[in-house]
Amino acid sequence: MNLKKESLSSAPLSILLVDDNQFNRDLMKIVFENLKHLVFTAKNGLEALELLSVEKVDYILLDMQMPVMDGAETILRIRHCEENSLDVYAMGDEYQELMEKIHLKNSGKHTLVIAISGHEDDVKEHDLEGKLDGYISKPFQPTEILALMNKLSKGCSF
């Protein structure tokens, strides 16, 4: 596997890996750290949102099927905060305070999000095609993710 060929920009990126599978998180963390990127990990969507409320992230690799908060709910919450439409969650949401923090930190920004799933229907079923920047099917090779991230960093969509 030629990771250098597919490596991203020379400037370090901050990458959030969200997957309930420890092995997947560990593997991708090693790959990205070896390429000198800053890596955060979360085992579900709620942990990812908590990290987004305090950290700047360039890319999110988001598993779609997780306990606590799945990838579909996570991406919808992220995009609502970025798009200045916090009002959707403003009244009575159990994560209201967390959503407000993310909104203040990320309003008007667009974080690149790549969905990772063994089931392509996860994206179609939740009507997420306009919310995601990319999709990778499991099982995957690290070079596939790096190639897609490289493509996205050049402004191309999937």
N, C-alpha and C. Protein backbone atom coordinates (compact mmCIF):
# COMPACT_ATOMS: atom_id res chain seq x y z
N MET A 1 0.86 -1.17 0.00
CA MET A 1 0.00 0.00 0.00
C MET A 1 0.90 1.23 0.00
N ASN A 2 0.73 2.09 -0.98
CA ASN A 2 1.57 3.27 -1.13
C ASN A 2 0.84 4.49 -0.56
N LEU A 3 1.03 4.72 0.74
CA LEU A 3 0.34 5.83 1.40
C LEU A 3 0.93 7.18 0.98
N LYS A 4 2.21 7.21 0.68
CA LYS A 4 2.82 8.49 0.29
C LYS A 4 2.22 9.00 -1.01
N LYS A 5 1.94 8.09 -1.95
CA LYS A 5 1.35 8.49 -3.23
C LYS A 5 0.00 9.15 -3.01
N GLU A 6 -0.78 8.64 -2.06
CA GLU A 6 -2.12 9.16 -1.81
C GLU A 6 -2.16 10.18 -0.68
N SER A 7 -1.00 10.55 -0.13
CA SER A 7 -1.00 11.42 1.04
C SER A 7 -1.63 12.78 0.73
N LEU A 8 -2.13 13.39 1.77
CA LEU A 8 -2.82 14.67 1.65
C LEU A 8 -1.81 15.80 1.66
N SER A 9 -2.30 17.01 1.79
CA SER A 9 -1.44 18.19 1.78
C SER A 9 -0.32 18.05 2.81
N SER A 10 0.74 18.79 2.57
CA SER A 10 1.87 18.73 3.49
C SER A 10 1.56 19.41 4.82
N ALA A 11 0.59 20.31 4.82
CA ALA A 11 0.19 20.95 6.07
C ALA A 11 -0.62 19.95 6.91
N PRO A 12 -0.32 19.86 8.18
CA PRO A 12 -1.08 18.92 9.02
C PRO A 12 -2.57 19.27 9.06
N LEU A 13 -3.39 18.25 8.92
CA LEU A 13 -4.84 18.40 9.01
C LEU A 13 -5.31 17.84 10.33
N SER A 14 -6.47 18.29 10.78
CA SER A 14 -7.08 17.68 11.96
C SER A 14 -8.22 16.80 11.46
N ILE A 15 -8.18 15.55 11.88
CA ILE A 15 -9.11 14.54 11.38
C ILE A 15 -9.80 13.87 12.55
N LEU A 16 -11.12 13.79 12.47
CA LEU A 16 -11.92 13.12 13.49
C LEU A 16 -12.40 11.80 12.93
N LEU A 17 -12.00 10.70 13.58
CA LEU A 17 -12.41 9.36 13.20
C LEU A 17 -13.53 8.93 14.14
N VAL A 18 -14.71 8.64 13.60
CA VAL A 18 -15.86 8.27 14.42
C VAL A 18 -16.31 6.87 14.00
N ASP A 19 -16.06 5.91 14.87
CA ASP A 19 -16.42 4.52 14.58
C ASP A 19 -16.51 3.77 15.91
N ASP A 20 -17.51 2.92 16.05
CA ASP A 20 -17.64 2.16 17.29
C ASP A 20 -16.68 0.98 17.33
N ASN A 21 -16.02 0.69 16.22
CA ASN A 21 -15.08 -0.42 16.15
C ASN A 21 -13.67 0.09 16.49
N GLN A 22 -13.16 -0.35 17.62
CA GLN A 22 -11.84 0.09 18.10
C GLN A 22 -10.74 -0.19 17.09
N PHE A 23 -10.77 -1.37 16.46
CA PHE A 23 -9.74 -1.72 15.48
C PHE A 23 -9.71 -0.70 14.34
N ASN A 24 -10.89 -0.34 13.80
CA ASN A 24 -10.95 0.63 12.70
C ASN A 24 -10.38 1.98 13.13
N ARG A 25 -10.73 2.43 14.34
CA ARG A 25 -10.20 3.70 14.83
C ARG A 25 -8.69 3.64 14.97
N ASP A 26 -8.19 2.56 15.56
CA ASP A 26 -6.74 2.42 15.77
C ASP A 26 -5.97 2.37 14.46
N LEU A 27 -6.48 1.61 13.49
CA LEU A 27 -5.82 1.48 12.20
C LEU A 27 -5.72 2.83 11.50
N MET A 28 -6.84 3.53 11.39
CA MET A 28 -6.83 4.81 10.70
C MET A 28 -6.03 5.87 11.47
N LYS A 29 -6.06 5.79 12.77
CA LYS A 29 -5.27 6.73 13.56
C LYS A 29 -3.78 6.57 13.24
N ILE A 30 -3.32 5.34 13.17
CA ILE A 30 -1.91 5.07 12.84
C ILE A 30 -1.58 5.61 11.45
N VAL A 31 -2.46 5.35 10.48
CA VAL A 31 -2.22 5.82 9.11
C VAL A 31 -2.07 7.33 9.08
N PHE A 32 -3.03 8.04 9.68
CA PHE A 32 -3.00 9.51 9.61
C PHE A 32 -1.88 10.11 10.46
N GLU A 33 -1.60 9.54 11.60
CA GLU A 33 -0.50 10.06 12.42
C GLU A 33 0.84 9.85 11.73
N ASN A 34 0.99 8.73 11.02
CA ASN A 34 2.23 8.50 10.26
C ASN A 34 2.40 9.52 9.15
N LEU A 35 1.30 10.10 8.69
CA LEU A 35 1.36 11.16 7.68
C LEU A 35 1.39 12.55 8.32
N LYS A 36 1.59 12.57 9.64
CA LYS A 36 1.79 13.81 10.42
C LYS A 36 0.52 14.65 10.59
N HIS A 37 -0.66 14.01 10.57
CA HIS A 37 -1.90 14.72 10.81
C HIS A 37 -2.32 14.56 12.27
N LEU A 38 -3.08 15.52 12.77
CA LEU A 38 -3.62 15.48 14.12
C LEU A 38 -4.91 14.67 14.08
N VAL A 39 -5.02 13.67 14.94
CA VAL A 39 -6.16 12.76 14.89
C VAL A 39 -6.90 12.74 16.22
N PHE A 40 -8.23 12.90 16.12
CA PHE A 40 -9.14 12.74 17.25
C PHE A 40 -9.99 11.51 16.96
N THR A 41 -10.40 10.81 18.00
CA THR A 41 -11.27 9.66 17.80
C THR A 41 -12.49 9.74 18.70
N ALA A 42 -13.57 9.15 18.21
CA ALA A 42 -14.81 9.06 18.98
C ALA A 42 -15.46 7.73 18.64
N LYS A 43 -16.13 7.12 19.62
CA LYS A 43 -16.74 5.82 19.36
C LYS A 43 -18.22 5.90 19.02
N ASN A 44 -18.78 7.12 19.00
CA ASN A 44 -20.17 7.30 18.57
C ASN A 44 -20.38 8.78 18.21
N GLY A 45 -21.55 9.07 17.67
CA GLY A 45 -21.83 10.43 17.23
C GLY A 45 -21.85 11.46 18.33
N LEU A 46 -22.33 11.07 19.51
CA LEU A 46 -22.37 12.01 20.62
C LEU A 46 -20.95 12.42 21.03
N GLU A 47 -20.04 11.47 21.11
CA GLU A 47 -18.64 11.81 21.42
C GLU A 47 -18.06 12.72 20.34
N ALA A 48 -18.44 12.47 19.10
CA ALA A 48 -17.96 13.32 18.00
C ALA A 48 -18.45 14.75 18.16
N LEU A 49 -19.72 14.91 18.49
CA LEU A 49 -20.26 16.26 18.69
C LEU A 49 -19.57 16.96 19.86
N GLU A 50 -19.30 16.22 20.92
CA GLU A 50 -18.59 16.80 22.07
C GLU A 50 -17.21 17.30 21.65
N LEU A 51 -16.51 16.53 20.83
CA LEU A 51 -15.20 16.97 20.33
C LEU A 51 -15.32 18.19 19.42
N LEU A 52 -16.34 18.19 18.56
CA LEU A 52 -16.53 19.33 17.65
C LEU A 52 -16.85 20.62 18.39
N SER A 53 -17.37 20.50 19.59
CA SER A 53 -17.70 21.70 20.35
C SER A 53 -16.46 22.39 20.90
N VAL A 54 -15.32 21.70 20.90
CA VAL A 54 -14.10 22.30 21.46
C VAL A 54 -12.89 22.25 20.52
N GLU A 55 -12.94 21.47 19.45
CA GLU A 55 -11.79 21.31 18.56
C GLU A 55 -12.13 21.73 17.14
N LYS A 56 -11.13 22.25 16.43
CA LYS A 56 -11.27 22.54 15.00
C LYS A 56 -10.94 21.25 14.25
N VAL A 57 -11.81 20.88 13.32
CA VAL A 57 -11.62 19.64 12.57
C VAL A 57 -11.75 19.94 11.08
N ASP A 58 -10.80 19.42 10.28
CA ASP A 58 -10.85 19.60 8.83
C ASP A 58 -11.68 18.51 8.14
N TYR A 59 -11.55 17.28 8.61
CA TYR A 59 -12.25 16.15 8.03
C TYR A 59 -12.87 15.30 9.14
N ILE A 60 -14.02 14.71 8.81
CA ILE A 60 -14.64 13.72 9.71
C ILE A 60 -14.87 12.46 8.88
N LEU A 61 -14.36 11.35 9.38
CA LEU A 61 -14.66 10.04 8.81
C LEU A 61 -15.68 9.42 9.74
N LEU A 62 -16.89 9.22 9.24
CA LEU A 62 -18.04 8.93 10.08
C LEU A 62 -18.69 7.59 9.74
N ASP A 63 -18.58 6.65 10.66
CA ASP A 63 -19.28 5.38 10.52
C ASP A 63 -20.77 5.66 10.62
N MET A 64 -21.57 4.96 9.86
CA MET A 64 -23.00 5.24 9.84
C MET A 64 -23.79 4.45 10.88
N GLN A 65 -23.31 3.29 11.26
CA GLN A 65 -24.05 2.46 12.21
C GLN A 65 -23.27 2.36 13.52
N MET A 66 -23.76 3.11 14.52
CA MET A 66 -23.11 3.14 15.83
C MET A 66 -24.19 3.23 16.91
N PRO A 67 -23.85 2.79 18.11
CA PRO A 67 -24.78 2.97 19.22
C PRO A 67 -24.77 4.43 19.72
N VAL A 68 -25.65 4.76 20.58
CA VAL A 68 -25.81 6.07 21.22
C VAL A 68 -26.34 7.10 20.23
N MET A 69 -25.54 7.47 19.22
CA MET A 69 -25.99 8.37 18.16
C MET A 69 -25.33 7.90 16.86
N ASP A 70 -26.15 7.54 15.89
CA ASP A 70 -25.61 7.00 14.63
C ASP A 70 -25.08 8.12 13.73
N GLY A 71 -24.49 7.70 12.62
CA GLY A 71 -23.90 8.66 11.69
C GLY A 71 -24.91 9.60 11.06
N ALA A 72 -26.12 9.10 10.76
CA ALA A 72 -27.13 9.93 10.12
C ALA A 72 -27.53 11.10 11.02
N GLU A 73 -27.83 10.82 12.27
CA GLU A 73 -28.19 11.90 13.19
C GLU A 73 -27.03 12.85 13.40
N THR A 74 -25.83 12.30 13.49
CA THR A 74 -24.64 13.11 13.72
C THR A 74 -24.43 14.11 12.58
N ILE A 75 -24.48 13.63 11.32
CA ILE A 75 -24.24 14.54 10.20
C ILE A 75 -25.35 15.58 10.11
N LEU A 76 -26.58 15.21 10.37
CA LEU A 76 -27.67 16.20 10.33
C LEU A 76 -27.46 17.28 11.38
N ARG A 77 -27.05 16.90 12.56
CA ARG A 77 -26.79 17.89 13.61
C ARG A 77 -25.62 18.79 13.24
N ILE A 78 -24.56 18.22 12.69
CA ILE A 78 -23.40 19.03 12.29
C ILE A 78 -23.81 20.06 11.24
N ARG A 79 -24.51 19.60 10.22
CA ARG A 79 -24.90 20.51 9.13
C ARG A 79 -25.87 21.59 9.61
N HIS A 80 -26.78 21.26 10.52
CA HIS A 80 -27.67 22.29 11.06
C HIS A 80 -26.88 23.37 11.78
N CYS A 81 -25.87 22.97 12.53
CA CYS A 81 -25.05 23.96 13.24
C CYS A 81 -24.25 24.82 12.27
N GLU A 82 -23.74 24.23 11.22
CA GLU A 82 -22.95 24.97 10.24
C GLU A 82 -23.81 25.92 9.40
N GLU A 83 -25.04 25.53 9.16
CA GLU A 83 -25.91 26.30 8.25
C GLU A 83 -26.73 27.37 8.96
N ASN A 84 -26.39 27.72 10.16
CA ASN A 84 -27.12 28.74 10.90
C ASN A 84 -28.58 28.39 11.14
N SER A 85 -28.90 27.12 11.21
CA SER A 85 -30.28 26.73 11.44
C SER A 85 -30.43 25.99 12.77
N LEU A 86 -29.83 26.55 13.78
CA LEU A 86 -29.88 25.94 15.10
C LEU A 86 -31.31 25.87 15.64
N ASP A 87 -32.19 26.71 15.14
CA ASP A 87 -33.56 26.74 15.62
C ASP A 87 -34.24 25.37 15.56
N VAL A 88 -33.81 24.50 14.67
CA VAL A 88 -34.39 23.17 14.55
C VAL A 88 -34.25 22.41 15.87
N TYR A 89 -33.15 22.63 16.56
CA TYR A 89 -32.89 21.93 17.80
C TYR A 89 -33.00 22.82 19.04
N ALA A 90 -33.42 24.04 18.86
CA ALA A 90 -33.34 25.02 19.94
C ALA A 90 -34.28 24.75 21.11
N MET A 91 -35.43 24.20 20.86
CA MET A 91 -36.41 24.06 21.93
C MET A 91 -36.53 22.63 22.43
N GLY A 92 -36.07 22.40 23.63
CA GLY A 92 -36.29 21.13 24.29
C GLY A 92 -35.42 19.97 23.86
N ASP A 93 -34.42 20.19 23.07
CA ASP A 93 -33.54 19.11 22.66
C ASP A 93 -32.62 18.74 23.82
N GLU A 94 -32.42 17.46 24.04
CA GLU A 94 -31.59 17.03 25.16
C GLU A 94 -30.12 17.44 25.01
N TYR A 95 -29.71 17.75 23.79
CA TYR A 95 -28.33 18.17 23.53
C TYR A 95 -28.25 19.66 23.20
N GLN A 96 -29.20 20.44 23.64
CA GLN A 96 -29.30 21.85 23.28
C GLN A 96 -28.01 22.62 23.58
N GLU A 97 -27.48 22.46 24.77
CA GLU A 97 -26.27 23.20 25.15
C GLU A 97 -25.09 22.82 24.26
N LEU A 98 -24.95 21.54 23.99
CA LEU A 98 -23.88 21.06 23.13
C LEU A 98 -24.05 21.62 21.71
N MET A 99 -25.27 21.60 21.20
CA MET A 99 -25.54 22.12 19.86
C MET A 99 -25.22 23.61 19.77
N GLU A 100 -25.52 24.35 20.81
CA GLU A 100 -25.22 25.79 20.82
C GLU A 100 -23.72 26.02 20.74
N LYS A 101 -22.93 25.21 21.47
CA LYS A 101 -21.46 25.35 21.42
C LYS A 101 -20.94 25.05 20.02
N ILE A 102 -21.45 24.00 19.40
CA ILE A 102 -21.01 23.65 18.05
C ILE A 102 -21.41 24.75 17.08
N HIS A 103 -22.60 25.26 17.23
CA HIS A 103 -23.10 26.33 16.37
C HIS A 103 -22.20 27.56 16.46
N LEU A 104 -21.83 27.96 17.66
CA LEU A 104 -20.97 29.14 17.83
C LEU A 104 -19.60 28.91 17.21
N LYS A 105 -19.09 27.71 17.29
CA LYS A 105 -17.75 27.41 16.78
C LYS A 105 -17.73 27.17 15.27
N ASN A 106 -18.84 26.65 14.72
CA ASN A 106 -18.80 26.19 13.33
C ASN A 106 -19.80 26.86 12.39
N SER A 107 -20.55 27.82 12.85
CA SER A 107 -21.54 28.47 12.01
C SER A 107 -20.88 29.08 10.77
N GLY A 108 -21.43 28.79 9.61
CA GLY A 108 -20.91 29.32 8.37
C GLY A 108 -19.74 28.54 7.78
N LYS A 109 -19.27 27.53 8.48
CA LYS A 109 -18.16 26.70 7.98
C LYS A 109 -18.74 25.43 7.36
N HIS A 110 -17.90 24.72 6.63
CA HIS A 110 -18.29 23.42 6.07
C HIS A 110 -17.17 22.44 6.34
N THR A 111 -17.40 21.53 7.26
CA THR A 111 -16.43 20.49 7.57
C THR A 111 -16.65 19.35 6.58
N LEU A 112 -15.59 18.85 5.99
CA LEU A 112 -15.70 17.75 5.04
C LEU A 112 -15.99 16.45 5.80
N VAL A 113 -17.07 15.78 5.41
CA VAL A 113 -17.50 14.56 6.08
C VAL A 113 -17.60 13.43 5.07
N ILE A 114 -16.92 12.33 5.40
CA ILE A 114 -16.96 11.13 4.58
C ILE A 114 -17.66 10.04 5.40
N ALA A 115 -18.74 9.50 4.84
CA ALA A 115 -19.45 8.41 5.49
C ALA A 115 -18.73 7.10 5.20
N ILE A 116 -18.72 6.23 6.22
CA ILE A 116 -18.13 4.91 6.07
C ILE A 116 -19.17 3.90 6.52
N SER A 117 -19.49 2.97 5.63
CA SER A 117 -20.52 1.99 5.98
C SER A 117 -20.39 0.73 5.15
N GLY A 118 -20.85 -0.36 5.70
CA GLY A 118 -20.91 -1.61 4.96
C GLY A 118 -22.18 -1.70 4.14
N HIS A 119 -23.06 -0.71 4.30
CA HIS A 119 -24.36 -0.73 3.62
C HIS A 119 -24.59 0.61 2.93
N GLU A 120 -24.49 0.64 1.62
CA GLU A 120 -24.69 1.89 0.87
C GLU A 120 -26.08 2.46 1.11
N ASP A 121 -27.02 1.60 1.45
CA ASP A 121 -28.40 2.05 1.71
C ASP A 121 -28.47 3.00 2.90
N ASP A 122 -27.48 2.97 3.79
CA ASP A 122 -27.47 3.88 4.94
C ASP A 122 -27.56 5.34 4.49
N VAL A 123 -26.86 5.67 3.42
CA VAL A 123 -26.84 7.04 2.92
C VAL A 123 -28.17 7.36 2.23
N LYS A 124 -28.63 6.44 1.38
CA LYS A 124 -29.88 6.67 0.64
C LYS A 124 -31.09 6.67 1.57
N GLU A 125 -31.11 5.74 2.51
CA GLU A 125 -32.24 5.59 3.43
C GLU A 125 -32.50 6.85 4.24
N HIS A 126 -31.44 7.54 4.62
CA HIS A 126 -31.57 8.74 5.45
C HIS A 126 -31.50 10.02 4.63
N ASP A 127 -31.49 9.89 3.30
CA ASP A 127 -31.47 11.05 2.41
C ASP A 127 -30.32 12.00 2.75
N LEU A 128 -29.12 11.44 2.82
CA LEU A 128 -27.95 12.21 3.25
C LEU A 128 -27.04 12.65 2.10
N GLU A 129 -27.43 12.35 0.88
CA GLU A 129 -26.52 12.62 -0.25
C GLU A 129 -26.09 14.07 -0.35
N GLY A 130 -26.94 15.02 -0.02
CA GLY A 130 -26.55 16.43 -0.07
C GLY A 130 -25.81 16.89 1.17
N LYS A 131 -25.76 16.06 2.19
CA LYS A 131 -25.11 16.43 3.45
C LYS A 131 -23.69 15.90 3.56
N LEU A 132 -23.38 14.87 2.80
CA LEU A 132 -22.07 14.23 2.88
C LEU A 132 -21.18 14.70 1.74
N ASP A 133 -19.89 14.67 1.98
CA ASP A 133 -18.93 15.04 0.94
C ASP A 133 -18.36 13.82 0.25
N GLY A 134 -18.51 12.65 0.87
CA GLY A 134 -17.98 11.43 0.28
C GLY A 134 -18.51 10.22 0.99
N TYR A 135 -18.28 9.06 0.36
CA TYR A 135 -18.74 7.79 0.91
C TYR A 135 -17.71 6.73 0.59
N ILE A 136 -17.38 5.91 1.58
CA ILE A 136 -16.47 4.77 1.42
C ILE A 136 -17.21 3.55 1.95
N SER A 137 -17.15 2.48 1.19
CA SER A 137 -17.81 1.24 1.59
C SER A 137 -16.83 0.35 2.36
N LYS A 138 -17.33 -0.27 3.42
CA LYS A 138 -16.53 -1.26 4.15
C LYS A 138 -16.66 -2.60 3.44
N PRO A 139 -15.62 -3.39 3.45
CA PRO A 139 -14.28 -3.10 3.96
C PRO A 139 -13.54 -2.16 3.01
N PHE A 140 -12.60 -1.42 3.54
CA PHE A 140 -11.88 -0.44 2.73
C PHE A 140 -10.39 -0.55 3.00
N GLN A 141 -9.62 0.02 2.09
CA GLN A 141 -8.18 0.15 2.26
C GLN A 141 -7.89 1.60 2.63
N PRO A 142 -6.93 1.85 3.50
CA PRO A 142 -6.59 3.24 3.83
C PRO A 142 -6.32 4.11 2.60
N THR A 143 -5.75 3.52 1.55
CA THR A 143 -5.46 4.30 0.35
C THR A 143 -6.75 4.83 -0.31
N GLU A 144 -7.86 4.09 -0.17
CA GLU A 144 -9.14 4.56 -0.74
C GLU A 144 -9.58 5.85 -0.05
N ILE A 145 -9.46 5.87 1.27
CA ILE A 145 -9.86 7.06 2.02
C ILE A 145 -8.94 8.23 1.69
N LEU A 146 -7.65 7.96 1.64
CA LEU A 146 -6.70 9.03 1.31
C LEU A 146 -6.96 9.58 -0.09
N ALA A 147 -7.26 8.72 -1.04
CA ALA A 147 -7.54 9.17 -2.41
C ALA A 147 -8.79 10.06 -2.44
N LEU A 148 -9.83 9.65 -1.72
CA LEU A 148 -11.06 10.45 -1.69
C LEU A 148 -10.81 11.78 -0.99
N MET A 149 -10.08 11.76 0.11
CA MET A 149 -9.78 13.01 0.83
C MET A 149 -8.95 13.94 -0.06
N ASN A 150 -8.02 13.37 -0.81
CA ASN A 150 -7.21 14.16 -1.74
C ASN A 150 -8.10 14.81 -2.79
N LYS A 151 -9.03 14.06 -3.33
CA LYS A 151 -9.97 14.56 -4.34
C LYS A 151 -10.83 15.69 -3.75
N LEU A 152 -11.34 15.49 -2.52
CA LEU A 152 -12.16 16.50 -1.88
C LEU A 152 -11.37 17.77 -1.57
N SER A 153 -10.11 17.62 -1.21
CA SER A 153 -9.30 18.79 -0.89
C SER A 153 -9.04 19.65 -2.13
N LYS A 154 -9.21 19.05 -3.32
CA LYS A 154 -9.03 19.79 -4.58
C LYS A 154 -10.36 20.33 -5.09
N GLY A 155 -11.42 20.18 -4.28
CA GLY A 155 -12.71 20.76 -4.65
C GLY A 155 -13.62 19.87 -5.48
N CYS A 156 -13.26 18.62 -5.64
CA CYS A 156 -14.10 17.69 -6.41
C CYS A 156 -15.07 17.00 -5.46
N SER A 157 -16.23 16.66 -5.97
CA SER A 157 -17.20 15.94 -5.13
C SER A 157 -17.23 14.48 -5.53
N PHE A 158 -17.88 13.68 -4.71
CA PHE A 158 -17.93 12.24 -5.00
C PHE A 158 -19.10 11.89 -5.87
